[in-house]
Amino acid sequence: VEPLLPLGTRGKLRGEDVEIIGFMRRRMTEEGVNYRWSEYVLLGRDGRLLWLTEYRGHWNLARVLQRAVTVVGDVAVYDKAEFKHFQSYEAFVDYVVGEFPWRVRIDEAAEVEDFVAPPRMLSRETTAAEETITLAEYLAQEELRQAFKLAARFRPAVGVFANQPNS
């Protein structure tokens, strides 16, 4: 698997200097169909980690939350905003390279619940060892290209993503 963004690439994303230090390809299966997406680990200031995710040309910038999110039924509440349940699934790791805050293993699994309030998405991942909640925000390809000073064009986004803003 060849990452679209090479490890070691440095840039300035949303005002923060970052470096790409890890990449993994994940998958989930729904009704016999495998869906795959990419996740990048970015090292930010003071050793803080950020995440970039990509699915079919749609990008999100995510940060792990340090405070609780309340989930009641199909609604998650964070910072006084309501996020509606979008989907639940089991995610598996297919490929990994680089540095991560844990020892990632092929076929490692996590139960995932996604909640959306465009342009943001909350994802709660649960394993036997921990629960992690990330807050992601939809990221335009042009912003990403400028942040990393990339000359290459990304493949066009296909369809509409769960938290893609409605223009």
Protein backbone atom coordinates (compact mmCIF):
# COMPACT_ATOMS: atom_id res chain seq x y z
CA VAL A 1 0.00 0.00 0.00
CA GLU A 2 1.43 3.37 -0.99
CA PRO A 3 0.32 6.33 1.16
CA LEU A 4 -0.85 9.37 -0.80
CA LEU A 5 1.04 11.50 1.74
CA PRO A 6 4.57 10.16 2.30
CA LEU A 7 5.88 9.63 5.83
CA GLY A 8 8.17 12.48 6.88
CA THR A 9 6.20 15.10 4.92
CA ARG A 10 6.01 18.36 6.87
CA GLY A 11 3.50 21.15 6.56
CA LYS A 12 1.38 23.74 8.31
CA LEU A 13 -2.22 22.63 8.73
CA ARG A 14 -4.74 25.01 10.27
CA GLY A 15 -1.95 27.11 11.74
CA GLU A 16 -0.03 24.20 13.27
CA ASP A 17 3.30 22.78 12.12
CA VAL A 18 2.88 19.02 11.60
CA GLU A 19 4.83 16.03 10.30
CA ILE A 20 3.33 12.78 8.97
CA ILE A 21 4.78 9.97 11.09
CA GLY A 22 2.40 7.01 10.59
CA PHE A 23 0.00 5.48 8.08
CA MET A 24 -2.50 2.65 8.27
CA ARG A 25 -5.14 1.21 5.98
CA ARG A 26 -8.33 0.05 7.69
CA ARG A 27 -11.44 -1.78 6.53
CA MET A 28 -14.96 -2.63 7.51
CA THR A 29 -17.41 -5.02 5.86
CA GLU A 30 -21.08 -4.30 5.28
CA GLU A 31 -23.36 -6.79 3.51
CA GLY A 32 -20.34 -8.65 2.12
CA VAL A 33 -18.66 -5.51 0.71
CA ASN A 34 -15.27 -4.35 2.07
CA TYR A 35 -14.83 -0.60 2.52
CA ARG A 36 -11.26 0.65 2.99
CA TRP A 37 -9.92 3.99 4.18
CA SER A 38 -6.58 5.51 5.13
CA GLU A 39 -5.48 7.06 8.42
CA TYR A 40 -2.36 9.16 8.96
CA VAL A 41 -0.78 10.10 12.29
CA LEU A 42 0.58 13.65 12.42
CA LEU A 43 3.01 14.90 15.02
CA GLY A 44 2.10 18.44 16.08
CA ARG A 45 3.52 20.93 18.52
CA ASP A 46 4.60 19.71 21.94
CA GLY A 47 4.37 16.09 20.75
CA ARG A 48 0.60 16.29 20.26
CA LEU A 49 -0.88 13.81 17.79
CA LEU A 50 -3.46 14.62 15.14
CA TRP A 51 -5.07 12.34 12.58
CA LEU A 52 -5.87 12.70 8.90
CA THR A 53 -8.38 10.28 7.41
CA GLU A 54 -9.16 9.72 3.74
CA TYR A 55 -11.98 7.76 2.13
CA ARG A 56 -12.60 7.95 -1.64
CA GLY A 57 -11.06 11.42 -1.89
CA HIS A 58 -12.80 12.82 1.21
CA TRP A 59 -10.45 14.07 3.97
CA ASN A 60 -10.92 14.83 7.67
CA LEU A 61 -8.60 16.27 10.31
CA ALA A 62 -9.21 14.66 13.72
CA ARG A 63 -8.07 15.15 17.30
CA VAL A 64 -8.53 12.81 20.24
CA LEU A 65 -10.83 14.40 22.82
CA GLN A 66 -9.71 14.68 26.41
CA ARG A 67 -13.17 15.17 27.86
CA ALA A 68 -16.32 13.10 27.92
CA VAL A 69 -19.00 12.92 25.28
CA THR A 70 -22.54 12.13 26.34
CA VAL A 71 -24.39 9.57 24.22
CA VAL A 72 -28.14 9.18 24.67
CA GLY A 73 -29.82 6.87 22.19
CA ASP A 74 -28.83 7.96 18.68
CA VAL A 75 -27.43 11.35 19.72
CA ALA A 76 -23.98 12.29 21.00
CA VAL A 77 -23.51 15.66 22.69
CA TYR A 78 -20.18 17.45 22.74
CA ASP A 79 -19.53 21.11 23.52
CA LYS A 80 -23.32 21.79 23.47
CA ALA A 81 -23.63 20.45 19.90
CA GLU A 82 -25.72 17.41 18.97
CA PHE A 83 -24.28 14.78 16.63
CA LYS A 84 -26.64 12.23 15.05
CA HIS A 85 -25.71 8.56 14.86
CA PHE A 86 -24.53 7.70 11.37
CA GLN A 87 -23.23 4.13 11.59
CA SER A 88 -21.75 1.43 13.80
CA TYR A 89 -19.25 -1.14 12.54
CA GLU A 90 -16.18 -3.19 13.36
CA ALA A 91 -12.95 -1.76 11.87
CA PHE A 92 -9.87 -3.87 11.13
CA VAL A 93 -6.28 -2.90 10.33
CA ASP A 94 -5.04 -4.15 6.92
CA TYR A 95 -1.68 -2.39 6.69
CA VAL A 96 0.51 -0.22 8.92
CA VAL A 97 3.83 1.63 8.65
CA GLY A 98 5.49 4.29 10.78
CA GLU A 99 4.91 5.46 14.33
CA PHE A 100 1.72 5.17 16.40
CA PRO A 101 0.90 5.75 20.06
CA TRP A 102 0.33 1.99 20.47
CA ARG A 103 1.65 -1.21 18.88
CA VAL A 104 -0.67 -1.61 15.90
CA ARG A 105 -1.24 -5.15 14.64
CA ILE A 106 -2.64 -6.44 11.35
CA ASP A 107 -6.31 -7.50 11.80
CA GLU A 108 -6.51 -5.54 15.07
CA ALA A 109 -10.20 -4.75 15.57
CA ALA A 110 -12.20 -1.95 17.16
CA GLU A 111 -15.91 -1.35 17.53
CA VAL A 112 -16.69 2.06 16.02
CA GLU A 113 -19.67 4.40 16.27
CA ASP A 114 -19.80 7.52 14.10
CA PHE A 115 -21.97 10.56 14.87
CA VAL A 116 -22.25 13.54 12.52
CA ALA A 117 -23.01 17.25 12.68
CA PRO A 118 -21.49 18.52 9.40
CA PRO A 119 -18.77 19.58 8.95
CA ARG A 120 -17.80 17.68 12.12
CA MET A 121 -17.90 14.01 13.09
CA LEU A 122 -17.43 12.24 16.42
CA SER A 123 -16.06 8.71 16.34
CA ARG A 124 -16.01 6.45 19.39
CA GLU A 125 -13.64 3.48 19.06
CA THR A 126 -13.72 0.73 21.65
CA THR A 127 -11.28 -2.14 22.12
CA ALA A 128 -10.74 -4.48 25.06
CA ALA A 129 -8.01 -2.10 26.28
CA GLU A 130 -9.58 1.36 25.87
CA GLU A 131 -12.20 3.72 24.51
CA THR A 132 -11.13 6.69 22.38
CA ILE A 133 -13.28 9.50 21.03
CA THR A 134 -12.08 11.72 18.22
CA LEU A 135 -13.56 14.90 16.81
CA ALA A 136 -12.98 15.27 13.07
CA GLU A 137 -13.64 18.15 10.73
CA TYR A 138 -14.10 17.87 6.98
CA LEU A 139 -11.06 19.14 5.11
CA ALA A 140 -11.08 20.42 1.53
CA GLN A 141 -8.46 18.83 -0.71
CA GLU A 142 -7.13 22.27 -1.69
CA GLU A 143 -6.44 23.12 1.97
CA LEU A 144 -4.54 19.86 2.37
CA ARG A 145 -2.53 20.42 -0.83
CA GLN A 146 -1.55 23.93 0.30
CA ALA A 147 -0.74 22.79 3.85
CA PHE A 148 1.82 20.27 2.60
CA LYS A 149 2.83 22.20 -0.53
CA LEU A 150 1.92 19.27 -2.75
CA ALA A 151 2.05 19.68 -6.50
CA ALA A 152 0.27 16.38 -7.16
CA ARG A 153 -3.46 16.37 -7.55
CA PHE A 154 -5.61 14.11 -5.42
CA ARG A 155 -8.18 11.87 -6.99
CA PRO A 156 -11.58 13.59 -7.13
CA ALA A 157 -13.87 12.92 -4.20
CA VAL A 158 -16.50 10.28 -5.00
CA GLY A 159 -20.05 10.74 -3.73
CA VAL A 160 -20.94 12.65 -0.59
CA PHE A 161 -19.21 11.89 2.71
CA ALA A 162 -21.04 11.58 6.02
CA ASN A 163 -19.92 14.97 7.41
CA GLN A 164 -19.31 16.78 4.14
CA PRO A 165 -20.82 20.29 4.30
CA ASN A 166 -23.67 21.01 1.93
CA SER A 167 -22.57 23.88 -0.29
